[in-house]
PDB file of N, CA and C in Angstrom:
ATOM      1  N   MET A   1     -22.263 -20.637  -1.868  1.00  0.00           N
ATOM      2  CA  MET A   1     -22.798 -19.342  -2.228  1.00  0.00           C
ATOM      3  C   MET A   1     -21.713 -18.279  -2.138  1.00  0.00           C
ATOM      4  N   LYS A   2     -21.534 -17.515  -3.168  1.00  0.00           N
ATOM      5  CA  LYS A   2     -20.472 -16.517  -3.217  1.00  0.00           C
ATOM      6  C   LYS A   2     -20.911 -15.168  -2.682  1.00  0.00           C
ATOM      7  N   GLY A   3     -22.184 -14.841  -2.752  1.00  0.00           N
ATOM      8  CA  GLY A   3     -22.663 -13.554  -2.272  1.00  0.00           C
ATOM      9  C   GLY A   3     -22.450 -12.459  -3.297  1.00  0.00           C
ATOM     10  N   GLU A   4     -22.946 -11.296  -2.966  1.00  0.00           N
ATOM     11  CA  GLU A   4     -22.780 -10.127  -3.836  1.00  0.00           C
ATOM     12  C   GLU A   4     -21.310  -9.730  -3.892  1.00  0.00           C
ATOM     13  N   ARG A   5     -20.863  -9.308  -5.061  1.00  0.00           N
ATOM     14  CA  ARG A   5     -19.474  -8.906  -5.258  1.00  0.00           C
ATOM     15  C   ARG A   5     -19.427  -7.424  -5.603  1.00  0.00           C
ATOM     16  N   ARG A   6     -18.524  -6.695  -4.936  1.00  0.00           N
ATOM     17  CA  ARG A   6     -18.324  -5.271  -5.208  1.00  0.00           C
ATOM     18  C   ARG A   6     -16.832  -4.987  -5.353  1.00  0.00           C
ATOM     19  N   ALA A   7     -16.530  -3.962  -6.129  1.00  0.00           N
ATOM     20  CA  ALA A   7     -15.135  -3.555  -6.319  1.00  0.00           C
ATOM     21  C   ALA A   7     -14.579  -2.989  -5.013  1.00  0.00           C
ATOM     22  N   ILE A   8     -13.300  -3.258  -4.773  1.00  0.00           N
ATOM     23  CA  ILE A   8     -12.607  -2.681  -3.628  1.00  0.00           C
ATOM     24  C   ILE A   8     -12.159  -1.281  -4.025  1.00  0.00           C
ATOM     25  N   ARG A   9     -12.513  -0.301  -3.205  1.00  0.00           N
ATOM     26  CA  ARG A   9     -12.199   1.093  -3.504  1.00  0.00           C
ATOM     27  C   ARG A   9     -10.690   1.275  -3.741  1.00  0.00           C
ATOM     28  N   ASN A  10     -10.367   1.997  -4.762  1.00  0.00           N
ATOM     29  CA  ASN A  10      -8.994   2.267  -5.222  1.00  0.00           C
ATOM     30  C   ASN A  10      -8.354   1.064  -5.913  1.00  0.00           C
ATOM     31  N   TYR A  11      -9.075  -0.045  -5.986  1.00  0.00           N
ATOM     32  CA  TYR A  11      -8.581  -1.241  -6.681  1.00  0.00           C
ATOM     33  C   TYR A  11      -9.632  -1.759  -7.652  1.00  0.00           C
ATOM     34  N   GLU A  12     -10.489  -0.858  -8.134  1.00  0.00           N
ATOM     35  CA  GLU A  12     -11.491  -1.222  -9.122  1.00  0.00           C
ATOM     36  C   GLU A  12     -10.781  -1.822 -10.335  1.00  0.00           C
ATOM     37  N   LYS A  13     -11.369  -2.809 -10.942  1.00  0.00           N
ATOM     38  CA  LYS A  13     -10.826  -3.534 -12.097  1.00  0.00           C
ATOM     39  C   LYS A  13      -9.636  -4.424 -11.741  1.00  0.00           C
ATOM     40  N   PHE A  14      -9.278  -4.465 -10.454  1.00  0.00           N
ATOM     41  CA  PHE A  14      -8.199  -5.344 -10.004  1.00  0.00           C
ATOM     42  C   PHE A  14      -8.732  -6.409  -9.035  1.00  0.00           C
ATOM     43  N   TYR A  15      -9.560  -5.957  -8.063  1.00  0.00           N
ATOM     44  CA  TYR A  15     -10.066  -6.867  -7.030  1.00  0.00           C
ATOM     45  C   TYR A  15     -11.501  -6.518  -6.660  1.00  0.00           C
ATOM     46  N   ASP A  16     -12.262  -7.563  -6.305  1.00  0.00           N
ATOM     47  CA  ASP A  16     -13.594  -7.417  -5.728  1.00  0.00           C
ATOM     48  C   ASP A  16     -13.592  -8.113  -4.380  1.00  0.00           C
ATOM     49  N   ILE A  17     -14.554  -7.753  -3.551  1.00  0.00           N
ATOM     50  CA  ILE A  17     -14.780  -8.462  -2.294  1.00  0.00           C
ATOM     51  C   ILE A  17     -16.260  -8.822  -2.239  1.00  0.00           C
ATOM     52  N   THR A  18     -16.555  -9.998  -1.704  1.00  0.00           N
ATOM     53  CA  THR A  18     -17.953 -10.445  -1.636  1.00  0.00           C
ATOM     54  C   THR A  18     -18.574 -10.038  -0.301  1.00  0.00           C
ATOM     55  N   SER A  19     -19.881 -10.142  -0.230  1.00  0.00           N
ATOM     56  CA  SER A  19     -20.604  -9.799   1.000  1.00  0.00           C
ATOM     57  C   SER A  19     -20.252 -10.741   2.147  1.00  0.00           C
ATOM     58  N   SER A  20     -19.623 -11.867   1.848  1.00  0.00           N
ATOM     59  CA  SER A  20     -19.189 -12.782   2.907  1.00  0.00           C
ATOM     60  C   SER A  20     -17.699 -12.649   3.228  1.00  0.00           C
ATOM     61  N   GLY A  21     -16.952 -11.875   2.432  1.00  0.00           N
ATOM     62  CA  GLY A  21     -15.559 -11.596   2.747  1.00  0.00           C
ATOM     63  C   GLY A  21     -14.520 -12.254   1.860  1.00  0.00           C
ATOM     64  N   ARG A  22     -14.924 -12.856   0.747  1.00  0.00           N
ATOM     65  CA  ARG A  22     -13.952 -13.466  -0.162  1.00  0.00           C
ATOM     66  C   ARG A  22     -13.397 -12.403  -1.109  1.00  0.00           C
ATOM     67  N   ILE A  23     -12.121 -12.549  -1.477  1.00  0.00           N
ATOM     68  CA  ILE A  23     -11.453 -11.608  -2.374  1.00  0.00           C
ATOM     69  C   ILE A  23     -11.303 -12.252  -3.749  1.00  0.00           C
ATOM     70  N   TYR A  24     -11.756 -11.541  -4.792  1.00  0.00           N
ATOM     71  CA  TYR A  24     -11.623 -12.014  -6.169  1.00  0.00           C
ATOM     72  C   TYR A  24     -10.562 -11.191  -6.883  1.00  0.00           C
ATOM     73  N   SER A  25      -9.637 -11.880  -7.550  1.00  0.00           N
ATOM     74  CA  SER A  25      -8.572 -11.233  -8.315  1.00  0.00           C
ATOM     75  C   SER A  25      -8.892 -11.319  -9.805  1.00  0.00           C
ATOM     76  N   TYR A  26      -8.975 -10.171 -10.468  1.00  0.00           N
ATOM     77  CA  TYR A  26      -9.221 -10.176 -11.906  1.00  0.00           C
ATOM     78  C   TYR A  26      -7.993 -10.672 -12.673  1.00  0.00           C
ATOM     79  N   ALA A  27      -6.795 -10.414 -12.171  1.00  0.00           N
ATOM     80  CA  ALA A  27      -5.570 -10.868 -12.846  1.00  0.00           C
ATOM     81  C   ALA A  27      -5.488 -12.392 -12.850  1.00  0.00           C
ATOM     82  N   ARG A  28      -5.850 -13.002 -11.725  1.00  0.00           N
ATOM     83  CA  ARG A  28      -5.788 -14.467 -11.606  1.00  0.00           C
ATOM     84  C   ARG A  28      -7.075 -15.144 -12.059  1.00  0.00           C
ATOM     85  N   LYS A  29      -8.136 -14.342 -12.202  1.00  0.00           N
ATOM     86  CA  LYS A  29      -9.457 -14.844 -12.619  1.00  0.00           C
ATOM     87  C   LYS A  29      -9.979 -15.918 -11.658  1.00  0.00           C
ATOM     88  N   ARG A  30      -9.794 -15.663 -10.362  1.00  0.00           N
ATOM     89  CA  ARG A  30     -10.267 -16.594  -9.343  1.00  0.00           C
ATOM     90  C   ARG A  30     -10.288 -15.909  -7.977  1.00  0.00           C
ATOM     91  N   TYR A  31     -10.954 -16.584  -7.044  1.00  0.00           N
ATOM     92  CA  TYR A  31     -10.949 -16.119  -5.659  1.00  0.00           C
ATOM     93  C   TYR A  31      -9.628 -16.511  -5.014  1.00  0.00           C
ATOM     94  N   LEU A  32      -9.108 -15.648  -4.166  1.00  0.00           N
ATOM     95  CA  LEU A  32      -7.882 -15.943  -3.445  1.00  0.00           C
ATOM     96  C   LEU A  32      -8.200 -16.920  -2.313  1.00  0.00           C
ATOM     97  N   THR A  33      -7.333 -17.891  -2.116  1.00  0.00           N
ATOM     98  CA  THR A  33      -7.488 -18.847  -1.028  1.00  0.00           C
ATOM     99  C   THR A  33      -6.143 -19.035  -0.342  1.00  0.00           C
ATOM    100  N   ARG A  34      -6.198 -19.505   0.887  1.00  0.00           N
ATOM    101  CA  ARG A  34      -4.977 -19.807   1.629  1.00  0.00           C
ATOM    102  C   ARG A  34      -5.089 -21.220   2.128  1.00  0.00           C
ATOM    103  N   LYS A  35      -4.250 -22.095   1.593  1.00  0.00           N
ATOM    104  CA  LYS A  35      -4.229 -23.509   1.993  1.00  0.00           C
ATOM    105  C   LYS A  35      -5.633 -24.117   1.975  1.00  0.00           C
ATOM    106  N   ASN A  36      -6.308 -23.945   0.854  1.00  0.00           N
ATOM    107  CA  ASN A  36      -7.654 -24.478   0.643  1.00  0.00           C
ATOM    108  C   ASN A  36      -8.710 -23.909   1.591  1.00  0.00           C
ATOM    109  N   ASP A  37      -8.425 -22.771   2.194  1.00  0.00           N
ATOM    110  CA  ASP A  37      -9.378 -22.115   3.093  1.00  0.00           C
ATOM    111  C   ASP A  37      -9.768 -20.786   2.458  1.00  0.00           C
ATOM    112  N   GLU A  38     -10.945 -20.732   1.871  1.00  0.00           N
ATOM    113  CA  GLU A  38     -11.358 -19.533   1.148  1.00  0.00           C
ATOM    114  C   GLU A  38     -11.523 -18.319   2.051  1.00  0.00           C
ATOM    115  N   TYR A  39     -11.673 -18.523   3.345  1.00  0.00           N
ATOM    116  CA  TYR A  39     -11.819 -17.417   4.283  1.00  0.00           C
ATOM    117  C   TYR A  39     -10.622 -17.293   5.222  1.00  0.00           C
ATOM    118  N   GLY A  40      -9.505 -17.889   4.896  1.00  0.00           N
ATOM    119  CA  GLY A  40      -8.366 -17.939   5.798  1.00  0.00           C
ATOM    120  C   GLY A  40      -7.560 -16.672   5.938  1.00  0.00           C
ATOM    121  N   PHE A  41      -7.849 -15.670   5.135  1.00  0.00           N
ATOM    122  CA  PHE A  41      -7.039 -14.463   5.165  1.00  0.00           C
ATOM    123  C   PHE A  41      -7.460 -13.501   6.267  1.00  0.00           C
ATOM    124  N   HIS A  42      -6.494 -13.016   7.000  1.00  0.00           N
ATOM    125  CA  HIS A  42      -6.695 -11.918   7.933  1.00  0.00           C
ATOM    126  C   HIS A  42      -6.163 -10.658   7.257  1.00  0.00           C
ATOM    127  N   ILE A  43      -5.016 -10.799   6.634  1.00  0.00           N
ATOM    128  CA  ILE A  43      -4.369  -9.727   5.880  1.00  0.00           C
ATOM    129  C   ILE A  43      -4.224 -10.203   4.441  1.00  0.00           C
ATOM    130  N   VAL A  44      -4.468  -9.321   3.488  1.00  0.00           N
ATOM    131  CA  VAL A  44      -4.317  -9.665   2.076  1.00  0.00           C
ATOM    132  C   VAL A  44      -3.434  -8.610   1.413  1.00  0.00           C
ATOM    133  N   LYS A  45      -2.583  -9.059   0.505  1.00  0.00           N
ATOM    134  CA  LYS A  45      -1.717  -8.147  -0.246  1.00  0.00           C
ATOM    135  C   LYS A  45      -2.387  -7.874  -1.587  1.00  0.00           C
ATOM    136  N   LEU A  46      -2.729  -6.610  -1.831  1.00  0.00           N
ATOM    137  CA  LEU A  46      -3.318  -6.199  -3.091  1.00  0.00           C
ATOM    138  C   LEU A  46      -2.285  -5.438  -3.896  1.00  0.00           C
ATOM    139  N   SER A  47      -2.238  -5.699  -5.199  1.00  0.00           N
ATOM    140  CA  SER A  47      -1.257  -5.066  -6.081  1.00  0.00           C
ATOM    141  C   SER A  47      -1.954  -4.323  -7.201  1.00  0.00           C
ATOM    142  N   LYS A  48      -1.376  -3.182  -7.551  1.00  0.00           N
ATOM    143  CA  LYS A  48      -1.897  -2.382  -8.649  1.00  0.00           C
ATOM    144  C   LYS A  48      -0.747  -1.567  -9.203  1.00  0.00           C
ATOM    145  N   GLU A  49      -0.571  -1.646 -10.507  1.00  0.00           N
ATOM    146  CA  GLU A  49       0.462  -0.881 -11.200  1.00  0.00           C
ATOM    147  C   GLU A  49       1.843  -1.077 -10.578  1.00  0.00           C
ATOM    148  N   GLY A  50       2.140  -2.309 -10.209  1.00  0.00           N
ATOM    149  CA  GLY A  50       3.456  -2.653  -9.684  1.00  0.00           C
ATOM    150  C   GLY A  50       3.679  -2.327  -8.222  1.00  0.00           C
ATOM    151  N   VAL A  51       2.676  -1.816  -7.539  1.00  0.00           N
ATOM    152  CA  VAL A  51       2.808  -1.460  -6.127  1.00  0.00           C
ATOM    153  C   VAL A  51       1.888  -2.355  -5.308  1.00  0.00           C
ATOM    154  N   SER A  52       2.461  -3.005  -4.288  1.00  0.00           N
ATOM    155  CA  SER A  52       1.688  -3.903  -3.420  1.00  0.00           C
ATOM    156  C   SER A  52       1.529  -3.291  -2.040  1.00  0.00           C
ATOM    157  N   SER A  53       0.367  -3.519  -1.444  1.00  0.00           N
ATOM    158  CA  SER A  53       0.098  -3.049  -0.087  1.00  0.00           C
ATOM    159  C   SER A  53      -0.702  -4.106   0.649  1.00  0.00           C
ATOM    160  N   ASN A  54      -0.477  -4.207   1.961  1.00  0.00           N
ATOM    161  CA  ASN A  54      -1.220  -5.139   2.807  1.00  0.00           C
ATOM    162  C   ASN A  54      -2.450  -4.447   3.380  1.00  0.00           C
ATOM    163  N   PHE A  55      -3.550  -5.196   3.455  1.00  0.00           N
ATOM    164  CA  PHE A  55      -4.804  -4.676   3.990  1.00  0.00           C
ATOM    165  C   PHE A  55      -5.433  -5.711   4.903  1.00  0.00           C
ATOM    166  N   ASN A  56      -6.107  -5.241   5.935  1.00  0.00           N
ATOM    167  CA  ASN A  56      -6.908  -6.088   6.795  1.00  0.00           C
ATOM    168  C   ASN A  56      -8.195  -6.398   6.037  1.00  0.00           C
ATOM    169  N   VAL A  57      -8.495  -7.673   5.833  1.00  0.00           N
ATOM    170  CA  VAL A  57      -9.651  -8.082   5.022  1.00  0.00           C
ATOM    171  C   VAL A  57     -10.951  -7.602   5.655  1.00  0.00           C
ATOM    172  N   TYR A  58     -11.078  -7.703   6.964  1.00  0.00           N
ATOM    173  CA  TYR A  58     -12.304  -7.252   7.618  1.00  0.00           C
ATOM    174  C   TYR A  58     -12.528  -5.758   7.392  1.00  0.00           C
ATOM    175  N   GLN A  59     -11.484  -4.963   7.493  1.00  0.00           N
ATOM    176  CA  GLN A  59     -11.625  -3.524   7.276  1.00  0.00           C
ATOM    177  C   GLN A  59     -12.004  -3.212   5.830  1.00  0.00           C
ATOM    178  N   LEU A  60     -11.443  -3.951   4.865  1.00  0.00           N
ATOM    179  CA  LEU A  60     -11.859  -3.783   3.466  1.00  0.00           C
ATOM    180  C   LEU A  60     -13.342  -4.109   3.315  1.00  0.00           C
ATOM    181  N   TRP A  61     -13.755  -5.226   3.913  1.00  0.00           N
ATOM    182  CA  TRP A  61     -15.148  -5.648   3.843  1.00  0.00           C
ATOM    183  C   TRP A  61     -16.065  -4.608   4.479  1.00  0.00           C
ATOM    184  N   ARG A  62     -15.711  -4.144   5.662  1.00  0.00           N
ATOM    185  CA  ARG A  62     -16.529  -3.170   6.387  1.00  0.00           C
ATOM    186  C   ARG A  62     -16.687  -1.882   5.584  1.00  0.00           C
ATOM    187  N   SER A  63     -15.620  -1.412   4.943  1.00  0.00           N
ATOM    188  CA  SER A  63     -15.721  -0.168   4.160  1.00  0.00           C
ATOM    189  C   SER A  63     -16.521  -0.370   2.875  1.00  0.00           C
ATOM    190  N   THR A  64     -16.573  -1.597   2.373  1.00  0.00           N
ATOM    191  CA  THR A  64     -17.306  -1.888   1.139  1.00  0.00           C
ATOM    192  C   THR A  64     -18.767  -2.224   1.416  1.00  0.00           C
ATOM    193  N   PHE A  65     -19.026  -2.914   2.508  1.00  0.00           N
ATOM    194  CA  PHE A  65     -20.382  -3.351   2.855  1.00  0.00           C
ATOM    195  C   PHE A  65     -20.792  -2.768   4.208  1.00  0.00           C
ATOM    196  N   SER A  66     -20.738  -1.472   4.341  1.00  0.00           N
ATOM    197  CA  SER A  66     -21.025  -0.816   5.629  1.00  0.00           C
ATOM    198  C   SER A  66     -22.448  -1.049   6.116  1.00  0.00           C
ATOM    199  N   GLU A  67     -23.360  -1.368   5.204  1.00  0.00           N
ATOM    200  CA  GLU A  67     -24.753  -1.565   5.586  1.00  0.00           C
ATOM    201  C   GLU A  67     -25.040  -2.957   6.161  1.00  0.00           C
ATOM    202  N   LEU A  68     -24.111  -3.895   6.031  1.00  0.00           N
ATOM    203  CA  LEU A  68     -24.327  -5.266   6.511  1.00  0.00           C
ATOM    204  C   LEU A  68     -23.921  -5.420   7.966  1.00  0.00           C
ATOM    205  N   SER A  69     -24.523  -6.396   8.644  1.00  0.00           N
ATOM    206  CA  SER A  69     -24.139  -6.693  10.023  1.00  0.00           C
ATOM    207  C   SER A  69     -22.865  -7.540  10.020  1.00  0.00           C
ATOM    208  N   ASP A  70     -22.142  -7.502  11.108  1.00  0.00           N
ATOM    209  CA  ASP A  70     -20.882  -8.247  11.221  1.00  0.00           C
ATOM    210  C   ASP A  70     -21.063  -9.755  11.032  1.00  0.00           C
ATOM    211  N   GLU A  71     -22.245 -10.268  11.297  1.00  0.00           N
ATOM    212  CA  GLU A  71     -22.500 -11.701  11.152  1.00  0.00           C
ATOM    213  C   GLU A  71     -22.392 -12.170   9.703  1.00  0.00           C
ATOM    214  N   GLU A  72     -22.514 -11.261   8.751  1.00  0.00           N
ATOM    215  CA  GLU A  72     -22.408 -11.609   7.332  1.00  0.00           C
ATOM    216  C   GLU A  72     -20.961 -11.933   6.938  1.00  0.00           C
ATOM    217  N   PHE A  73     -19.998 -11.370   7.660  1.00  0.00           N
ATOM    218  CA  PHE A  73     -18.579 -11.571   7.354  1.00  0.00           C
ATOM    219  C   PHE A  73     -18.144 -12.944   7.837  1.00  0.00           C
ATOM    220  N   LYS A  74     -17.646 -13.786   6.918  1.00  0.00           N
ATOM    221  CA  LYS A  74     -17.255 -15.155   7.244  1.00  0.00           C
ATOM    222  C   LYS A  74     -15.741 -15.327   7.357  1.00  0.00           C
ATOM    223  N   GLY A  75     -14.997 -14.281   7.085  1.00  0.00           N
ATOM    224  CA  GLY A  75     -13.541 -14.363   7.065  1.00  0.00           C
ATOM    225  C   GLY A  75     -12.915 -14.360   8.443  1.00  0.00           C
ATOM    226  N   ALA A  76     -11.606 -14.443   8.448  1.00  0.00           N
ATOM    227  CA  ALA A  76     -10.823 -14.425   9.688  1.00  0.00           C
ATOM    228  C   ALA A  76     -10.694 -12.992  10.183  1.00  0.00           C
ATOM    229  N   ARG A  77     -10.993 -12.767  11.443  1.00  0.00           N
ATOM    230  CA  ARG A  77     -10.859 -11.422  12.009  1.00  0.00           C
ATOM    231  C   ARG A  77      -9.546 -11.234  12.747  1.00  0.00           C
ATOM    232  N   LYS A  78      -8.883 -12.327  13.035  1.00  0.00           N
ATOM    233  CA  LYS A  78      -7.573 -12.242  13.662  1.00  0.00           C
ATOM    234  C   LYS A  78      -6.649 -13.222  12.975  1.00  0.00           C
ATOM    235  N   VAL A  79      -5.389 -13.155  13.268  1.00  0.00           N
ATOM    236  CA  VAL A  79      -4.376 -13.968  12.596  1.00  0.00           C
ATOM    237  C   VAL A  79      -4.732 -15.437  12.724  1.00  0.00           C
ATOM    238  N   LYS A  80      -4.668 -16.133  11.584  1.00  0.00           N
ATOM    239  CA  LYS A  80      -5.049 -17.544  11.530  1.00  0.00           C
ATOM    240  C   LYS A  80      -4.051 -18.261  10.637  1.00  0.00           C
ATOM    241  N   TYR A  81      -3.019 -18.809  11.226  1.00  0.00           N
ATOM    242  CA  TYR A  81      -2.004 -19.521  10.467  1.00  0.00           C
ATOM    243  C   TYR A  81      -1.962 -20.979  10.889  1.00  0.00           C
ATOM    244  N   LYS A  82      -1.681 -21.839   9.923  1.00  0.00           N
ATOM    245  CA  LYS A  82      -1.586 -23.277  10.208  1.00  0.00           C
ATOM    246  C   LYS A  82      -0.157 -23.711  10.118  1.00  0.00           C
TER     247      LYS A  82
END
């Protein structure tokens, strides 16, 4: 289940985030994954008009889905590297 998808503020038409915390890239036409882990990101690099910036995925999710409880977020809340 992918959940509801909403545009990430200031990155509309570039990226969406789902109610469970997955990031969708319109340029790549797919969800971003890290080593086959769809929720493995703690930090994600978003690019727009040639400028890239790092963002905390949980903070992006929280600002987009402020009405949801934290239990809905399935992503990594702290650094998770293999």
